[in-house]
């Protein structure tokens, strides 16, 4: 890893920086769609106001990756610090929790060689594949690959505004207003946007949100790989490489299953705070999660924000 004091020299030469940030004790952060949307739209709002270009991005259940271009290390550090502190404040209020959400020190690595730049971009895109969440990188919503050439890859197209029912039209207007003002979709605003919206309409709105707030500079990827299709072929052919930022392999599909089990048991994941559960509740839920998902004690500990549930 390049020493921090030499970052500015490499950044000024136009080399990208890989940022990797994980939850405290590797605990799960994003329990609900609303958690993902808050982080994504907040990231979008802040990066648009900075001198940073994002060339790759991915949110997983307990961490996120991004590839950033900037002339100054201090600009990147300030952006990440502001993003994580702002997100943590709103997250803790919504989940009735306290304390830091992310580890104090985020991972960072400059990629000064073309091969390493390609490896980083493939690695970030393939996180959901390596984590057994999807069979291909394009199937995952939160690495933004599917939105390169399609505004609604996971839903039907929204109807023209003149044909929208009023509630859906109002939701779209709120999203457009947030974009226009340079804001993001906080929890109260999301509740208003999704109120009285059908499941199909919600999928349409999520695609609309991601498309409207999308901040990826896809042209950088096309330049590095000589075209978007070349990148997709390379991404589907190998997992990429990231030797500078250690990350343990993990089956992230277990977390999807645990969330589904909690929902079936009447738990509201939007405001879920495992720290508020009593010991007997934790023990009972741990048994259910182990029996129904086959998750390990370590995975259940991360899910329930405890090292040893």
C-alpha atoms as a PDB file:
ATOM      1  CA  UNK A   1       0.000   0.000   0.000  1.00  0.00           C
ATOM      2  CA  UNK A   2       1.318   3.456  -0.919  1.00  0.00           C
ATOM      3  CA  UNK A   3       2.072   5.543   2.195  1.00  0.00           C
ATOM      4  CA  UNK A   4      -0.556   8.193   2.892  1.00  0.00           C
ATOM      5  CA  UNK A   5       1.952  11.064   2.629  1.00  0.00           C
ATOM      6  CA  UNK A   6       2.623  10.107  -0.999  1.00  0.00           C
ATOM      7  CA  UNK A   7      -1.043  10.014  -2.006  1.00  0.00           C
ATOM      8  CA  UNK A   8      -1.154  13.541  -3.418  1.00  0.00           C
ATOM      9  CA  UNK A   9       1.704  12.851  -5.813  1.00  0.00           C
ATOM     10  CA  UNK A  10      -0.001   9.786  -7.252  1.00  0.00           C
ATOM     11  CA  UNK A  11      -3.454  11.352  -7.272  1.00  0.00           C
ATOM     12  CA  UNK A  12      -2.187  14.392  -9.158  1.00  0.00           C
ATOM     13  CA  UNK A  13      -0.878  12.001 -11.819  1.00  0.00           C
ATOM     14  CA  UNK A  14      -4.451  10.838 -12.375  1.00  0.00           C
ATOM     15  CA  UNK A  15      -4.322   7.482 -10.632  1.00  0.00           C
ATOM     16  CA  UNK A  16      -7.528   6.215  -8.979  1.00  0.00           C
ATOM     17  CA  UNK A  17      -7.863   5.450  -5.292  1.00  0.00           C
ATOM     18  CA  UNK A  18      -9.727   2.378  -4.041  1.00  0.00           C
ATOM     19  CA  UNK A  19     -11.684   3.137  -0.871  1.00  0.00           C
ATOM     20  CA  UNK A  20     -13.015   0.309   1.280  1.00  0.00           C
ATOM     21  CA  UNK A  21     -14.975   0.908   4.482  1.00  0.00           C
ATOM     22  CA  UNK A  22     -16.544  -1.660   6.773  1.00  0.00           C
ATOM     23  CA  UNK A  23     -18.945  -1.610   9.707  1.00  0.00           C
ATOM     24  CA  UNK A  24     -17.567  -1.640  13.247  1.00  0.00           C
ATOM     25  CA  UNK A  25     -16.588  -5.234  14.124  1.00  0.00           C
ATOM     26  CA  UNK A  26     -17.680  -6.110  10.549  1.00  0.00           C
ATOM     27  CA  UNK A  27     -21.292  -5.793  11.724  1.00  0.00           C
ATOM     28  CA  UNK A  28     -24.210  -5.538   9.297  1.00  0.00           C
ATOM     29  CA  UNK A  29     -25.190  -1.958   8.453  1.00  0.00           C
ATOM     30  CA  UNK A  30     -27.765  -2.153   5.669  1.00  0.00           C
ATOM     31  CA  UNK A  31     -30.805  -4.115   6.847  1.00  0.00           C
ATOM     32  CA  UNK A  32     -33.410  -2.535   4.591  1.00  0.00           C
ATOM     33  CA  UNK A  33     -33.893  -0.991   1.181  1.00  0.00           C
ATOM     34  CA  UNK A  34     -34.218   2.357   2.927  1.00  0.00           C
ATOM     35  CA  UNK A  35     -30.721   1.989   4.418  1.00  0.00           C
ATOM     36  CA  UNK A  36     -29.253   1.343   0.961  1.00  0.00           C
ATOM     37  CA  UNK A  37     -31.140   4.278  -0.567  1.00  0.00           C
ATOM     38  CA  UNK A  38     -30.059   6.681   2.166  1.00  0.00           C
ATOM     39  CA  UNK A  39     -26.379   5.818   1.748  1.00  0.00           C
ATOM     40  CA  UNK A  40     -26.513   5.802  -2.051  1.00  0.00           C
ATOM     41  CA  UNK A  41     -28.346   9.126  -2.439  1.00  0.00           C
ATOM     42  CA  UNK A  42     -26.224  10.756   0.272  1.00  0.00           C
ATOM     43  CA  UNK A  43     -23.066   9.583  -1.507  1.00  0.00           C
ATOM     44  CA  UNK A  44     -24.474  11.047  -4.734  1.00  0.00           C
ATOM     45  CA  UNK A  45     -25.393  14.372  -3.141  1.00  0.00           C
ATOM     46  CA  UNK A  46     -21.993  14.853  -1.527  1.00  0.00           C
ATOM     47  CA  UNK A  47     -19.828  13.731  -4.426  1.00  0.00           C
ATOM     48  CA  UNK A  48     -21.612  16.094  -6.812  1.00  0.00           C
ATOM     49  CA  UNK A  49     -20.516  18.960  -4.565  1.00  0.00           C
ATOM     50  CA  UNK A  50     -16.883  17.804  -4.456  1.00  0.00           C
ATOM     51  CA  UNK A  51     -13.909  17.706  -6.812  1.00  0.00           C
ATOM     52  CA  UNK A  52     -14.081  13.917  -6.954  1.00  0.00           C
ATOM     53  CA  UNK A  53     -15.056  11.575  -9.775  1.00  0.00           C
ATOM     54  CA  UNK A  54     -16.385   8.102  -8.947  1.00  0.00           C
ATOM     55  CA  UNK A  55     -15.443   5.393 -11.434  1.00  0.00           C
ATOM     56  CA  UNK A  56     -16.710   2.310  -9.552  1.00  0.00           C
ATOM     57  CA  UNK A  57     -18.983   1.622  -6.615  1.00  0.00           C
ATOM     58  CA  UNK A  58     -20.616  -1.181  -4.660  1.00  0.00           C
ATOM     59  CA  UNK A  59     -22.576  -1.452  -1.409  1.00  0.00           C
ATOM     60  CA  UNK A  60     -22.633  -4.771   0.419  1.00  0.00           C
ATOM     61  CA  UNK A  61     -24.432  -5.583   3.689  1.00  0.00           C
ATOM     62  CA  UNK A  62     -21.585  -4.557   6.007  1.00  0.00           C
ATOM     63  CA  UNK A  63     -19.249  -2.515   3.805  1.00  0.00           C
ATOM     64  CA  UNK A  64     -18.863  -0.510   0.642  1.00  0.00           C
ATOM     65  CA  UNK A  65     -16.241  -0.025  -2.065  1.00  0.00           C
ATOM     66  CA  UNK A  66     -15.635   2.878  -4.411  1.00  0.00           C
ATOM     67  CA  UNK A  67     -12.986   3.882  -6.915  1.00  0.00           C
ATOM     68  CA  UNK A  68     -12.337   7.630  -6.776  1.00  0.00           C
ATOM     69  CA  UNK A  69     -10.374  10.156  -8.820  1.00  0.00           C
ATOM     70  CA  UNK A  70      -9.204  13.403  -7.238  1.00  0.00           C
ATOM     71  CA  UNK A  71      -6.139  15.642  -7.190  1.00  0.00           C
ATOM     72  CA  UNK A  72      -5.825  15.664  -3.396  1.00  0.00           C
ATOM     73  CA  UNK A  73      -5.870  13.013  -0.697  1.00  0.00           C
ATOM     74  CA  UNK A  74      -7.391  15.521   1.735  1.00  0.00           C
ATOM     75  CA  UNK A  75     -10.368  15.937  -0.598  1.00  0.00           C
ATOM     76  CA  UNK A  76     -11.070  12.203  -0.537  1.00  0.00           C
ATOM     77  CA  UNK A  77     -10.559  11.927   3.228  1.00  0.00           C
ATOM     78  CA  UNK A  78     -12.865  14.872   3.855  1.00  0.00           C
ATOM     79  CA  UNK A  79     -15.520  13.397   1.573  1.00  0.00           C
ATOM     80  CA  UNK A  80     -15.470   9.969   3.252  1.00  0.00           C
ATOM     81  CA  UNK A  81     -15.427  11.453   6.761  1.00  0.00           C
ATOM     82  CA  UNK A  82     -18.380  13.705   5.987  1.00  0.00           C
ATOM     83  CA  UNK A  83     -20.301  10.912   4.260  1.00  0.00           C
ATOM     84  CA  UNK A  84     -19.864   8.415   7.079  1.00  0.00           C
ATOM     85  CA  UNK A  85     -20.536  10.846   9.922  1.00  0.00           C
ATOM     86  CA  UNK A  86     -23.639  12.245   8.205  1.00  0.00           C
ATOM     87  CA  UNK A  87     -24.957   8.771   7.402  1.00  0.00           C
ATOM     88  CA  UNK A  88     -24.237   7.516  10.935  1.00  0.00           C
ATOM     89  CA  UNK A  89     -26.210  10.364  12.522  1.00  0.00           C
ATOM     90  CA  UNK A  90     -29.330   9.719  10.461  1.00  0.00           C
ATOM     91  CA  UNK A  91     -28.938   5.950  10.683  1.00  0.00           C
ATOM     92  CA  UNK A  92     -28.683   6.003  14.485  1.00  0.00           C
ATOM     93  CA  UNK A  93     -31.777   8.176  14.796  1.00  0.00           C
ATOM     94  CA  UNK A  94     -33.809   5.892  12.533  1.00  0.00           C
ATOM     95  CA  UNK A  95     -32.622   2.673  14.205  1.00  0.00           C
ATOM     96  CA  UNK A  96     -32.700   4.122  17.727  1.00  0.00           C
ATOM     97  CA  UNK A  97     -29.033   3.244  18.185  1.00  0.00           C
ATOM     98  CA  UNK A  98     -25.844   5.111  19.024  1.00  0.00           C
ATOM     99  CA  UNK A  99     -22.122   5.072  18.465  1.00  0.00           C
ATOM    100  CA  UNK A 100     -20.010   4.728  15.326  1.00  0.00           C
ATOM    101  CA  UNK A 101     -21.401   2.761  12.407  1.00  0.00           C
ATOM    102  CA  UNK A 102     -18.201   2.415  10.381  1.00  0.00           C
ATOM    103  CA  UNK A 103     -14.697   1.504  11.477  1.00  0.00           C
ATOM    104  CA  UNK A 104     -12.613   4.542  12.367  1.00  0.00           C
ATOM    105  CA  UNK A 105     -10.063   4.016   9.598  1.00  0.00           C
ATOM    106  CA  UNK A 106     -11.210   3.232   6.072  1.00  0.00           C
ATOM    107  CA  UNK A 107      -9.052   1.193   3.704  1.00  0.00           C
ATOM    108  CA  UNK A 108      -7.331   2.994   0.843  1.00  0.00           C
ATOM    109  CA  UNK A 109      -5.062   1.991  -1.995  1.00  0.00           C
ATOM    110  CA  UNK A 110      -3.718   3.867  -5.021  1.00  0.00           C
ATOM    111  CA  UNK A 111      -3.706   1.988  -8.322  1.00  0.00           C
ATOM    112  CA  UNK A 112      -0.775   3.286 -10.368  1.00  0.00           C
ATOM    113  CA  UNK A 113      -0.578   0.507 -12.973  1.00  0.00           C
ATOM    114  CA  UNK A 114      -3.127  -0.163 -15.711  1.00  0.00           C
ATOM    115  CA  UNK A 115      -3.434  -3.834 -14.838  1.00  0.00           C
ATOM    116  CA  UNK A 116      -4.125  -2.991 -11.189  1.00  0.00           C
ATOM    117  CA  UNK A 117      -6.705  -0.367 -12.156  1.00  0.00           C
ATOM    118  CA  UNK A 118      -8.556  -2.964 -14.223  1.00  0.00           C
ATOM    119  CA  UNK A 119      -8.273  -5.503 -11.412  1.00  0.00           C
ATOM    120  CA  UNK A 120      -9.707  -3.031  -8.907  1.00  0.00           C
ATOM    121  CA  UNK A 121     -12.687  -2.154 -11.101  1.00  0.00           C
ATOM    122  CA  UNK A 122     -13.484  -5.808 -11.771  1.00  0.00           C
ATOM    123  CA  UNK A 123     -13.027  -6.649  -8.095  1.00  0.00           C
ATOM    124  CA  UNK A 124     -15.469  -3.941  -6.962  1.00  0.00           C
ATOM    125  CA  UNK A 125     -18.033  -4.890  -9.608  1.00  0.00           C
ATOM    126  CA  UNK A 126     -17.770  -8.567  -8.704  1.00  0.00           C
ATOM    127  CA  UNK A 127     -18.243  -8.218  -4.942  1.00  0.00           C
ATOM    128  CA  UNK A 128     -21.843  -9.530  -5.090  1.00  0.00           C
ATOM    129  CA  UNK A 129     -20.720 -12.462  -7.235  1.00  0.00           C
ATOM    130  CA  UNK A 130     -17.829 -13.353  -4.942  1.00  0.00           C
ATOM    131  CA  UNK A 131     -20.230 -12.995  -2.013  1.00  0.00           C
ATOM    132  CA  UNK A 132     -22.686 -15.460  -3.617  1.00  0.00           C
ATOM    133  CA  UNK A 133     -25.467 -12.889  -3.884  1.00  0.00           C
ATOM    134  CA  UNK A 134     -25.685 -12.991  -7.689  1.00  0.00           C
ATOM    135  CA  UNK A 135     -24.479 -15.106 -10.586  1.00  0.00           C
ATOM    136  CA  UNK A 136     -23.211 -12.108 -12.576  1.00  0.00           C
ATOM    137  CA  UNK A 137     -22.182  -8.594 -11.632  1.00  0.00           C
ATOM    138  CA  UNK A 138     -24.900  -6.992 -13.785  1.00  0.00           C
ATOM    139  CA  UNK A 139     -27.633  -8.697 -11.761  1.00  0.00           C
ATOM    140  CA  UNK A 140     -26.801  -6.668  -8.644  1.00  0.00           C
ATOM    141  CA  UNK A 141     -28.514  -3.345  -8.081  1.00  0.00           C
ATOM    142  CA  UNK A 142     -25.976  -1.572  -5.884  1.00  0.00           C
ATOM    143  CA  UNK A 143     -22.861  -1.745  -8.060  1.00  0.00           C
ATOM    144  CA  UNK A 144     -24.769   0.328 -10.662  1.00  0.00           C
ATOM    145  CA  UNK A 145     -23.558  -1.711 -13.654  1.00  0.00           C
ATOM    146  CA  UNK A 146     -27.074  -2.456 -14.890  1.00  0.00           C
ATOM    147  CA  UNK A 147     -27.829   1.277 -15.064  1.00  0.00           C
ATOM    148  CA  UNK A 148     -25.156   2.047 -17.652  1.00  0.00           C
ATOM    149  CA  UNK A 149     -27.488   1.515 -20.611  1.00  0.00           C
ATOM    150  CA  UNK A 150     -30.875   0.995 -18.959  1.00  0.00           C
ATOM    151  CA  UNK A 151     -32.791   3.355 -16.679  1.00  0.00           C
ATOM    152  CA  UNK A 152     -35.066   0.634 -15.332  1.00  0.00           C
ATOM    153  CA  UNK A 153     -33.195  -2.699 -15.426  1.00  0.00           C
ATOM    154  CA  UNK A 154     -35.144  -4.226 -12.525  1.00  0.00           C
ATOM    155  CA  UNK A 155     -38.671  -3.002 -13.245  1.00  0.00           C
ATOM    156  CA  UNK A 156     -41.097  -1.955 -15.951  1.00  0.00           C
ATOM    157  CA  UNK A 157     -40.741   1.557 -17.341  1.00  0.00           C
ATOM    158  CA  UNK A 158     -42.620   4.288 -15.554  1.00  0.00           C
ATOM    159  CA  UNK A 159     -45.605   5.483 -17.603  1.00  0.00           C
ATOM    160  CA  UNK A 160     -45.563   9.034 -19.014  1.00  0.00           C
ATOM    161  CA  UNK A 161     -46.430  11.575 -16.346  1.00  0.00           C
ATOM    162  CA  UNK A 162     -49.729  12.395 -18.021  1.00  0.00           C
ATOM    163  CA  UNK A 163     -50.777   8.768 -17.484  1.00  0.00           C
ATOM    164  CA  UNK A 164     -49.446   8.332 -13.938  1.00  0.00           C
ATOM    165  CA  UNK A 165     -51.896   8.183 -11.083  1.00  0.00           C
ATOM    166  CA  UNK A 166     -51.521  11.185  -8.800  1.00  0.00           C
ATOM    167  CA  UNK A 167     -49.769   9.364  -5.940  1.00  0.00           C
ATOM    168  CA  UNK A 168     -47.055   8.004  -8.222  1.00  0.00           C
ATOM    169  CA  UNK A 169     -46.650  11.362  -9.936  1.00  0.00           C
ATOM    170  CA  UNK A 170     -46.213  13.047  -6.550  1.00  0.00           C
ATOM    171  CA  UNK A 171     -43.525  10.501  -5.591  1.00  0.00           C
ATOM    172  CA  UNK A 172     -41.610  11.167  -8.802  1.00  0.00           C
ATOM    173  CA  UNK A 173     -41.887  14.916  -8.198  1.00  0.00           C
ATOM    174  CA  UNK A 174     -40.364  14.538  -4.708  1.00  0.00           C
ATOM    175  CA  UNK A 175     -37.433  12.598  -6.128  1.00  0.00           C
ATOM    176  CA  UNK A 176     -36.913  15.201  -8.863  1.00  0.00           C
ATOM    177  CA  UNK A 177     -37.069  17.990  -6.288  1.00  0.00           C
ATOM    178  CA  UNK A 178     -34.381  16.345  -4.149  1.00  0.00           C
ATOM    179  CA  UNK A 179     -32.111  16.016  -7.193  1.00  0.00           C
ATOM    180  CA  UNK A 180     -32.694  19.615  -8.245  1.00  0.00           C
ATOM    181  CA  UNK A 181     -31.894  20.951  -4.777  1.00  0.00           C
ATOM    182  CA  UNK A 182     -28.742  18.833  -4.452  1.00  0.00           C
ATOM    183  CA  UNK A 183     -30.224  16.891  -1.563  1.00  0.00           C
ATOM    184  CA  UNK A 184     -30.688  13.218  -0.788  1.00  0.00           C
ATOM    185  CA  UNK A 185     -33.501  10.924   0.292  1.00  0.00           C
ATOM    186  CA  UNK A 186     -33.531  10.768   4.074  1.00  0.00           C
ATOM    187  CA  UNK A 187     -35.730   8.342   5.961  1.00  0.00           C
ATOM    188  CA  UNK A 188     -38.748  10.663   6.474  1.00  0.00           C
ATOM    189  CA  UNK A 189     -38.716  11.629   2.792  1.00  0.00           C
ATOM    190  CA  UNK A 190     -38.502   7.979   1.734  1.00  0.00           C
ATOM    191  CA  UNK A 191     -41.519   7.165   3.893  1.00  0.00           C
ATOM    192  CA  UNK A 192     -43.470   9.883   2.131  1.00  0.00           C
ATOM    193  CA  UNK A 193     -42.287   8.813  -1.321  1.00  0.00           C
ATOM    194  CA  UNK A 194     -43.232   5.157  -0.810  1.00  0.00           C
ATOM    195  CA  UNK A 195     -46.493   5.775   1.044  1.00  0.00           C
ATOM    196  CA  UNK A 196     -49.492   4.147  -0.660  1.00  0.00           C
ATOM    197  CA  UNK A 197     -47.283   2.846  -3.463  1.00  0.00           C
ATOM    198  CA  UNK A 198     -47.830  -0.671  -4.850  1.00  0.00           C
ATOM    199  CA  UNK A 199     -44.958  -3.219  -4.861  1.00  0.00           C
ATOM    200  CA  UNK A 200     -44.602  -2.875  -8.646  1.00  0.00           C
ATOM    201  CA  UNK A 201     -44.544   0.911  -8.410  1.00  0.00           C
ATOM    202  CA  UNK A 202     -41.959   0.733  -5.637  1.00  0.00           C
ATOM    203  CA  UNK A 203     -39.628  -1.237  -7.914  1.00  0.00           C
ATOM    204  CA  UNK A 204     -40.155   1.390 -10.609  1.00  0.00           C
ATOM    205  CA  UNK A 205     -39.385   4.192  -8.171  1.00  0.00           C
ATOM    206  CA  UNK A 206     -36.229   2.495  -6.879  1.00  0.00           C
ATOM    207  CA  UNK A 207     -34.941   2.189 -10.446  1.00  0.00           C
ATOM    208  CA  UNK A 208     -35.890   5.817 -11.033  1.00  0.00           C
ATOM    209  CA  UNK A 209     -34.051   6.914  -7.879  1.00  0.00           C
ATOM    210  CA  UNK A 210     -30.877   5.048  -8.807  1.00  0.00           C
ATOM    211  CA  UNK A 211     -30.946   6.306 -12.394  1.00  0.00           C
ATOM    212  CA  UNK A 212     -31.523   9.918 -11.338  1.00  0.00           C
ATOM    213  CA  UNK A 213     -28.923   9.894  -8.564  1.00  0.00           C
ATOM    214  CA  UNK A 214     -26.381   7.824 -10.515  1.00  0.00           C
ATOM    215  CA  UNK A 215     -22.914   9.387 -10.224  1.00  0.00           C
ATOM    216  CA  UNK A 216     -20.667   6.843 -11.977  1.00  0.00           C
ATOM    217  CA  UNK A 217     -18.346   8.086 -14.734  1.00  0.00           C
ATOM    218  CA  UNK A 218     -18.762   5.103 -17.059  1.00  0.00           C
ATOM    219  CA  UNK A 219     -16.555   6.750 -19.696  1.00  0.00           C
ATOM    220  CA  UNK A 220     -13.472   6.087 -17.551  1.00  0.00           C
ATOM    221  CA  UNK A 221     -14.235   2.377 -17.541  1.00  0.00           C
ATOM    222  CA  UNK A 222     -14.799   2.397 -21.302  1.00  0.00           C
ATOM    223  CA  UNK A 223     -11.461   4.129 -21.794  1.00  0.00           C
ATOM    224  CA  UNK A 224      -9.521   1.720 -19.545  1.00  0.00           C
ATOM    225  CA  UNK A 225     -11.066  -1.424 -21.056  1.00  0.00           C
ATOM    226  CA  UNK A 226     -11.498  -0.153 -24.604  1.00  0.00           C
ATOM    227  CA  UNK A 227     -15.285  -0.334 -24.409  1.00  0.00           C
ATOM    228  CA  UNK A 228     -18.078  -1.249 -22.005  1.00  0.00           C
ATOM    229  CA  UNK A 229     -18.621  -4.716 -23.444  1.00  0.00           C
ATOM    230  CA  UNK A 230     -14.927  -5.471 -22.977  1.00  0.00           C
ATOM    231  CA  UNK A 231     -15.291  -4.605 -19.314  1.00  0.00           C
ATOM    232  CA  UNK A 232     -18.333  -6.853 -18.893  1.00  0.00           C
ATOM    233  CA  UNK A 233     -16.560  -9.737 -20.609  1.00  0.00           C
ATOM    234  CA  UNK A 234     -13.523  -9.265 -18.361  1.00  0.00           C
ATOM    235  CA  UNK A 235     -15.699  -8.952 -15.239  1.00  0.00           C
ATOM    236  CA  UNK A 236     -17.561 -12.158 -16.038  1.00  0.00           C
ATOM    237  CA  UNK A 237     -14.323 -13.997 -16.818  1.00  0.00           C
ATOM    238  CA  UNK A 238     -12.489 -13.328 -13.556  1.00  0.00           C
ATOM    239  CA  UNK A 239     -13.005 -11.856 -10.079  1.00  0.00           C
ATOM    240  CA  UNK A 240     -10.351  -9.161 -10.326  1.00  0.00           C
ATOM    241  CA  UNK A 241      -7.718  -8.620  -7.676  1.00  0.00           C
ATOM    242  CA  UNK A 242      -7.173  -6.512  -4.581  1.00  0.00           C
ATOM    243  CA  UNK A 243      -4.079  -7.501  -2.674  1.00  0.00           C
ATOM    244  CA  UNK A 244      -3.672  -4.095  -0.997  1.00  0.00           C
ATOM    245  CA  UNK A 245      -6.940  -4.158   0.959  1.00  0.00           C
ATOM    246  CA  UNK A 246      -7.466  -7.373   2.935  1.00  0.00           C
ATOM    247  CA  UNK A 247     -11.005  -8.717   2.838  1.00  0.00           C
ATOM    248  CA  UNK A 248     -12.127 -12.115   4.048  1.00  0.00           C
ATOM    249  CA  UNK A 249     -14.298 -14.216   1.747  1.00  0.00           C
ATOM    250  CA  UNK A 250     -17.845 -14.540   2.986  1.00  0.00           C
ATOM    251  CA  UNK A 251     -21.184 -15.955   1.865  1.00  0.00           C
ATOM    252  CA  UNK A 252     -23.317 -12.813   1.858  1.00  0.00           C
ATOM    253  CA  UNK A 253     -26.378 -14.704   0.681  1.00  0.00           C
ATOM    254  CA  UNK A 254     -26.769 -15.783   4.312  1.00  0.00           C
ATOM    255  CA  UNK A 255     -27.566 -12.190   5.286  1.00  0.00           C
ATOM    256  CA  UNK A 256     -30.279 -11.974   2.641  1.00  0.00           C
ATOM    257  CA  UNK A 257     -31.779 -15.150   4.076  1.00  0.00           C
ATOM    258  CA  UNK A 258     -31.554 -13.860   7.655  1.00  0.00           C
ATOM    259  CA  UNK A 259     -33.325 -10.644   6.697  1.00  0.00           C
ATOM    260  CA  UNK A 260     -36.081 -12.680   5.024  1.00  0.00           C
ATOM    261  CA  UNK A 261     -36.465 -14.847   8.149  1.00  0.00           C
ATOM    262  CA  UNK A 262     -36.731 -11.763  10.363  1.00  0.00           C
ATOM    263  CA  UNK A 263     -39.398 -10.262   8.110  1.00  0.00           C
ATOM    264  CA  UNK A 264     -41.393 -13.522   8.205  1.00  0.00           C
ATOM    265  CA  UNK A 265     -41.221 -13.340  11.989  1.00  0.00           C
ATOM    266  CA  UNK A 266     -42.746  -9.864  12.025  1.00  0.00           C
ATOM    267  CA  UNK A 267     -39.558  -7.826  12.537  1.00  0.00           C
ATOM    268  CA  UNK A 268     -39.507  -4.389  10.897  1.00  0.00           C
ATOM    269  CA  UNK A 269     -36.047  -4.258   9.325  1.00  0.00           C
ATOM    270  CA  UNK A 270     -36.371  -0.580   8.485  1.00  0.00           C
ATOM    271  CA  UNK A 271     -35.959   0.298  12.162  1.00  0.00           C
ATOM    272  CA  UNK A 272     -34.242  -2.905  13.279  1.00  0.00           C
ATOM    273  CA  UNK A 273     -31.818  -2.397  16.167  1.00  0.00           C
ATOM    274  CA  UNK A 274     -30.493  -5.711  17.503  1.00  0.00           C
ATOM    275  CA  UNK A 275     -28.790  -3.867  20.359  1.00  0.00           C
ATOM    276  CA  UNK A 276     -32.220  -3.120  21.809  1.00  0.00           C
ATOM    277  CA  UNK A 277     -33.121  -6.814  22.056  1.00  0.00           C
ATOM    278  CA  UNK A 278     -32.926  -8.603  25.396  1.00  0.00           C
ATOM    279  CA  UNK A 279     -30.573 -11.542  25.863  1.00  0.00           C
ATOM    280  CA  UNK A 280     -33.391 -14.079  25.716  1.00  0.00           C
ATOM    281  CA  UNK A 281     -34.700 -12.505  22.493  1.00  0.00           C
ATOM    282  CA  UNK A 282     -31.227 -12.656  20.971  1.00  0.00           C
ATOM    283  CA  UNK A 283     -30.833 -16.280  21.972  1.00  0.00           C
ATOM    284  CA  UNK A 284     -34.218 -17.242  20.519  1.00  0.00           C
ATOM    285  CA  UNK A 285     -33.626 -15.329  17.282  1.00  0.00           C
ATOM    286  CA  UNK A 286     -30.124 -16.798  16.953  1.00  0.00           C
ATOM    287  CA  UNK A 287     -31.539 -20.313  17.111  1.00  0.00           C
ATOM    288  CA  UNK A 288     -34.167 -19.515  14.467  1.00  0.00           C
ATOM    289  CA  UNK A 289     -31.587 -17.934  12.160  1.00  0.00           C
ATOM    290  CA  UNK A 290     -29.196 -20.848  12.520  1.00  0.00           C
ATOM    291  CA  UNK A 291     -31.906 -23.430  11.882  1.00  0.00           C
ATOM    292  CA  UNK A 292     -33.548 -21.685   8.926  1.00  0.00           C
ATOM    293  CA  UNK A 293     -30.496 -20.265   7.132  1.00  0.00           C
ATOM    294  CA  UNK A 294     -27.588 -22.508   8.125  1.00  0.00           C
ATOM    295  CA  UNK A 295     -25.563 -19.424   9.034  1.00  0.00           C
ATOM    296  CA  UNK A 296     -22.507 -19.724  11.241  1.00  0.00           C
ATOM    297  CA  UNK A 297     -22.255 -18.275  14.741  1.00  0.00           C
ATOM    298  CA  UNK A 298     -19.856 -15.679  13.357  1.00  0.00           C
ATOM    299  CA  UNK A 299     -22.314 -14.571  10.672  1.00  0.00           C
ATOM    300  CA  UNK A 300     -25.197 -14.430  13.140  1.00  0.00           C
ATOM    301  CA  UNK A 301     -22.996 -12.390  15.472  1.00  0.00           C
ATOM    302  CA  UNK A 302     -22.374  -9.857  12.707  1.00  0.00           C
ATOM    303  CA  UNK A 303     -26.043  -9.776  11.802  1.00  0.00           C
ATOM    304  CA  UNK A 304     -27.110  -9.183  15.406  1.00  0.00           C
ATOM    305  CA  UNK A 305     -24.273  -6.741  16.077  1.00  0.00           C
ATOM    306  CA  UNK A 306     -22.661  -9.105  18.553  1.00  0.00           C
ATOM    307  CA  UNK A 307     -19.422 -10.993  18.236  1.00  0.00           C
ATOM    308  CA  UNK A 308     -20.934 -13.932  20.111  1.00  0.00           C
ATOM    309  CA  UNK A 309     -24.746 -14.054  19.904  1.00  0.00           C
END
